[in-house]
Structures are given as structure tokens and as C-alpha cells.
Amino acid sequence: MSEIEEILKGSRVIAVVGLSPNPYRPSHEVARYLKENGYRIIPVNPTVEEVMGERSYPDLVSIPERVDVVDIFRRSEEVPPIVEEAIKIGAWAVWMQEGVVNEAAAARARQAGLMVVMDRCMLKEHERLLALENFSGKD
């Protein structure tokens, strides 16, 4: 099983860092899709109180429950402190969305034992896995 499959099949709670309340932003579209597909979404955005009916937190360390995956919608240079928080809270994976690349932060996360996906869209990867499973002749 690939790291992407392991993350998508094994996780239930996803903290979305940079989740916008604007339904036309990619972060909102991805989070809505994930929520509709059974994941618990926790918005992380210090500028809003709530997104998609979920309480928003200013940072990862403020979240009062276990987080499996930290999904990052921030500029690449803003990733290192987010990875440090992901390590601190005991997340088991960090996912940097399309266009988000920070090799040093990825190496730091891996060194701490986290799985890492970089420059990939969680929605597209989930859809791809669903298509593969449907194509695999299970019906």
C-alpha cells in the first residue's frame, strides 16, 4: 500500500491549515469533499471562528482532539512551523497540497516519524483511489 493510500484509508480526522470560508477557494472545495466522504474536518484559520459548521482553531496546538493528518494550504515558506506543530500534537501524517513544496520541512516530518505527501491534492488522490477500487473488479 502506498503512503497516499495508507493516509487516506487509515485517517479519520484531518486538520486543514489555511481553510478558507470562501466556497470558491481550493481549500474549501477540498475540505467539503473530504467531509462529504466521511472524514472529520477541523479548520485551522486564526481569522475565522467557524468554517462549514465546524469550529476553527488558530493553530494546531489549540485543537482539543486527536488529529491524524495535517492538510496544509499555505505558502511553501510557511510550512516549517506547521510541521513542528504537527509533530508536537502527535499527528501521523502531513499533507502539502498542490503547489506546496518544502523539502526541509518534509525531511523534518519524516525524521520525526510522520508520513509525508507533498505537492499533491487530497481530493484528486481520493477520487483516483476510488476509481481504482471501482475498476478493480469488486462488483
Protein backbone atom coordinates (compact mmCIF):
# COMPACT_ATOMS: atom_id res chain seq x y z
CA MET A 1 0.00 0.00 0.00
CA SER A 2 1.38 3.42 -0.91
CA GLU A 3 1.77 6.19 1.64
CA ILE A 4 -1.09 8.06 -0.02
CA GLU A 5 -3.39 5.02 0.27
CA GLU A 6 -2.33 4.43 3.86
CA ILE A 7 -3.10 8.02 4.80
CA LEU A 8 -6.45 8.18 3.01
CA LYS A 9 -7.65 4.78 4.24
CA GLY A 10 -6.25 4.99 7.76
CA SER A 11 -7.18 8.52 8.78
CA ARG A 12 -10.46 9.92 10.04
CA VAL A 13 -9.59 13.37 11.45
CA ILE A 14 -7.99 15.96 9.18
CA ALA A 15 -6.89 19.40 10.34
CA VAL A 16 -6.98 21.73 7.32
CA VAL A 17 -4.47 24.55 7.83
CA GLY A 18 -5.48 27.61 5.84
CA LEU A 19 -9.10 26.51 5.32
CA SER A 20 -10.95 29.42 3.78
CA PRO A 21 -14.64 30.16 4.43
CA ASN A 22 -14.88 31.19 0.74
CA PRO A 23 -16.55 28.27 -1.10
CA TYR A 24 -14.65 29.16 -4.30
CA ARG A 25 -11.20 28.64 -2.74
CA PRO A 26 -9.47 25.29 -3.30
CA SER A 27 -9.09 24.69 0.45
CA HIS A 28 -12.86 24.96 0.92
CA GLU A 29 -13.61 22.69 -2.04
CA VAL A 30 -11.18 20.01 -0.85
CA ALA A 31 -12.38 20.16 2.77
CA ARG A 32 -16.04 19.98 1.72
CA TYR A 33 -15.30 16.95 -0.46
CA LEU A 34 -13.42 15.21 2.36
CA LYS A 35 -16.23 15.96 4.83
CA GLU A 36 -18.80 14.57 2.38
CA ASN A 37 -16.67 11.42 2.13
CA GLY A 38 -16.71 10.67 5.84
CA TYR A 39 -13.68 12.49 7.22
CA ARG A 40 -13.89 14.77 10.24
CA ILE A 41 -12.60 18.19 9.19
CA ILE A 42 -11.08 20.63 11.67
CA PRO A 43 -10.47 24.11 10.25
CA VAL A 44 -7.24 25.85 11.26
CA ASN A 45 -7.51 29.53 10.42
CA PRO A 46 -6.93 32.28 13.01
CA THR A 47 -9.03 34.81 11.07
CA VAL A 48 -12.40 32.99 11.33
CA GLU A 49 -14.43 31.38 14.11
CA GLU A 50 -16.18 28.74 12.02
CA VAL A 51 -15.99 27.13 8.58
CA MET A 52 -18.54 24.65 7.18
CA GLY A 53 -20.26 24.44 10.57
CA GLU A 54 -17.01 23.42 12.30
CA ARG A 55 -15.20 25.48 14.92
CA SER A 56 -11.98 26.97 13.58
CA TYR A 57 -8.79 26.96 15.64
CA PRO A 58 -5.93 29.49 15.43
CA ASP A 59 -3.26 26.76 15.29
CA LEU A 60 -2.79 23.01 15.60
CA VAL A 61 -1.86 23.02 19.28
CA SER A 62 -5.24 24.58 20.16
CA ILE A 63 -7.19 21.60 18.81
CA PRO A 64 -8.56 19.60 21.78
CA GLU A 65 -8.79 16.24 19.98
CA ARG A 66 -6.56 13.79 18.17
CA VAL A 67 -5.59 14.75 14.61
CA ASP A 68 -4.50 12.09 12.13
CA VAL A 69 -3.49 14.25 9.16
CA VAL A 70 -2.45 17.88 8.85
CA ASP A 71 -3.50 19.09 5.38
CA ILE A 72 -1.61 22.28 4.50
CA PHE A 73 -2.97 25.06 2.28
CA ARG A 74 -0.27 27.67 3.00
CA ARG A 75 2.68 29.05 1.06
CA SER A 76 5.68 26.73 0.96
CA GLU A 77 7.81 29.04 3.10
CA GLU A 78 5.16 28.94 5.86
CA VAL A 79 5.27 25.14 6.20
CA PRO A 80 8.14 24.57 8.73
CA PRO A 81 6.34 25.89 11.85
CA ILE A 82 3.19 23.98 10.83
CA VAL A 83 5.23 20.77 10.61
CA GLU A 84 6.70 21.47 14.06
CA GLU A 85 3.16 21.81 15.46
CA ALA A 86 2.09 18.62 13.66
CA ILE A 87 4.95 16.78 15.36
CA LYS A 88 4.07 18.34 18.72
CA ILE A 89 0.41 17.25 18.59
CA GLY A 90 1.26 13.70 17.51
CA ALA A 91 -0.27 13.76 14.03
CA TRP A 92 0.88 10.80 11.98
CA ALA A 93 0.89 12.48 8.56
CA VAL A 94 1.49 15.83 6.90
CA TRP A 95 -0.05 16.51 3.51
CA MET A 96 1.11 19.52 1.50
CA GLN A 97 -1.41 20.40 -1.20
CA GLU A 98 -0.61 21.04 -4.86
CA GLY A 99 1.99 23.75 -5.25
CA VAL A 100 3.17 23.44 -1.64
CA VAL A 101 6.73 22.13 -1.55
CA ASN A 102 9.19 22.39 1.32
CA GLU A 103 11.85 19.69 1.26
CA ALA A 104 13.39 20.70 4.61
CA ALA A 105 10.01 20.56 6.38
CA ALA A 106 9.25 17.21 4.72
CA ALA A 107 12.59 15.83 5.90
CA ARG A 108 11.93 17.11 9.43
CA ALA A 109 8.48 15.46 9.48
CA ARG A 110 9.88 12.14 8.21
CA GLN A 111 12.70 12.31 10.76
CA ALA A 112 10.03 12.63 13.48
CA GLY A 113 8.23 9.56 12.12
CA LEU A 114 5.39 11.23 10.20
CA MET A 115 4.29 10.18 6.73
CA VAL A 116 4.58 12.99 4.19
CA VAL A 117 2.81 13.78 0.93
CA MET A 118 3.92 16.87 -0.93
CA ASP A 119 2.56 18.78 -3.94
CA ARG A 120 -0.50 16.53 -4.30
CA CYS A 121 -4.22 17.24 -3.98
CA MET A 122 -6.02 15.17 -1.36
CA LEU A 123 -9.33 15.38 -3.27
CA LYS A 124 -7.77 14.21 -6.56
CA GLU A 125 -5.87 11.39 -4.85
CA HIS A 126 -9.02 10.22 -3.04
CA GLU A 127 -11.00 10.25 -6.31
CA ARG A 128 -8.17 8.35 -8.03
CA LEU A 129 -8.20 5.65 -5.33
CA LEU A 130 -11.98 5.33 -5.53
CA ALA A 131 -11.76 4.94 -9.30
CA LEU A 132 -9.07 2.26 -8.95
CA GLU A 133 -11.11 0.36 -6.38
CA ASN A 134 -14.22 0.52 -8.58
CA PHE A 135 -12.17 -0.60 -11.57
CA SER A 136 -10.54 -3.50 -9.74
CA GLY A 137 -13.50 -5.80 -10.42
CA LYS A 138 -15.01 -5.85 -6.93
CA ASP A 139 -18.57 -5.56 -8.30
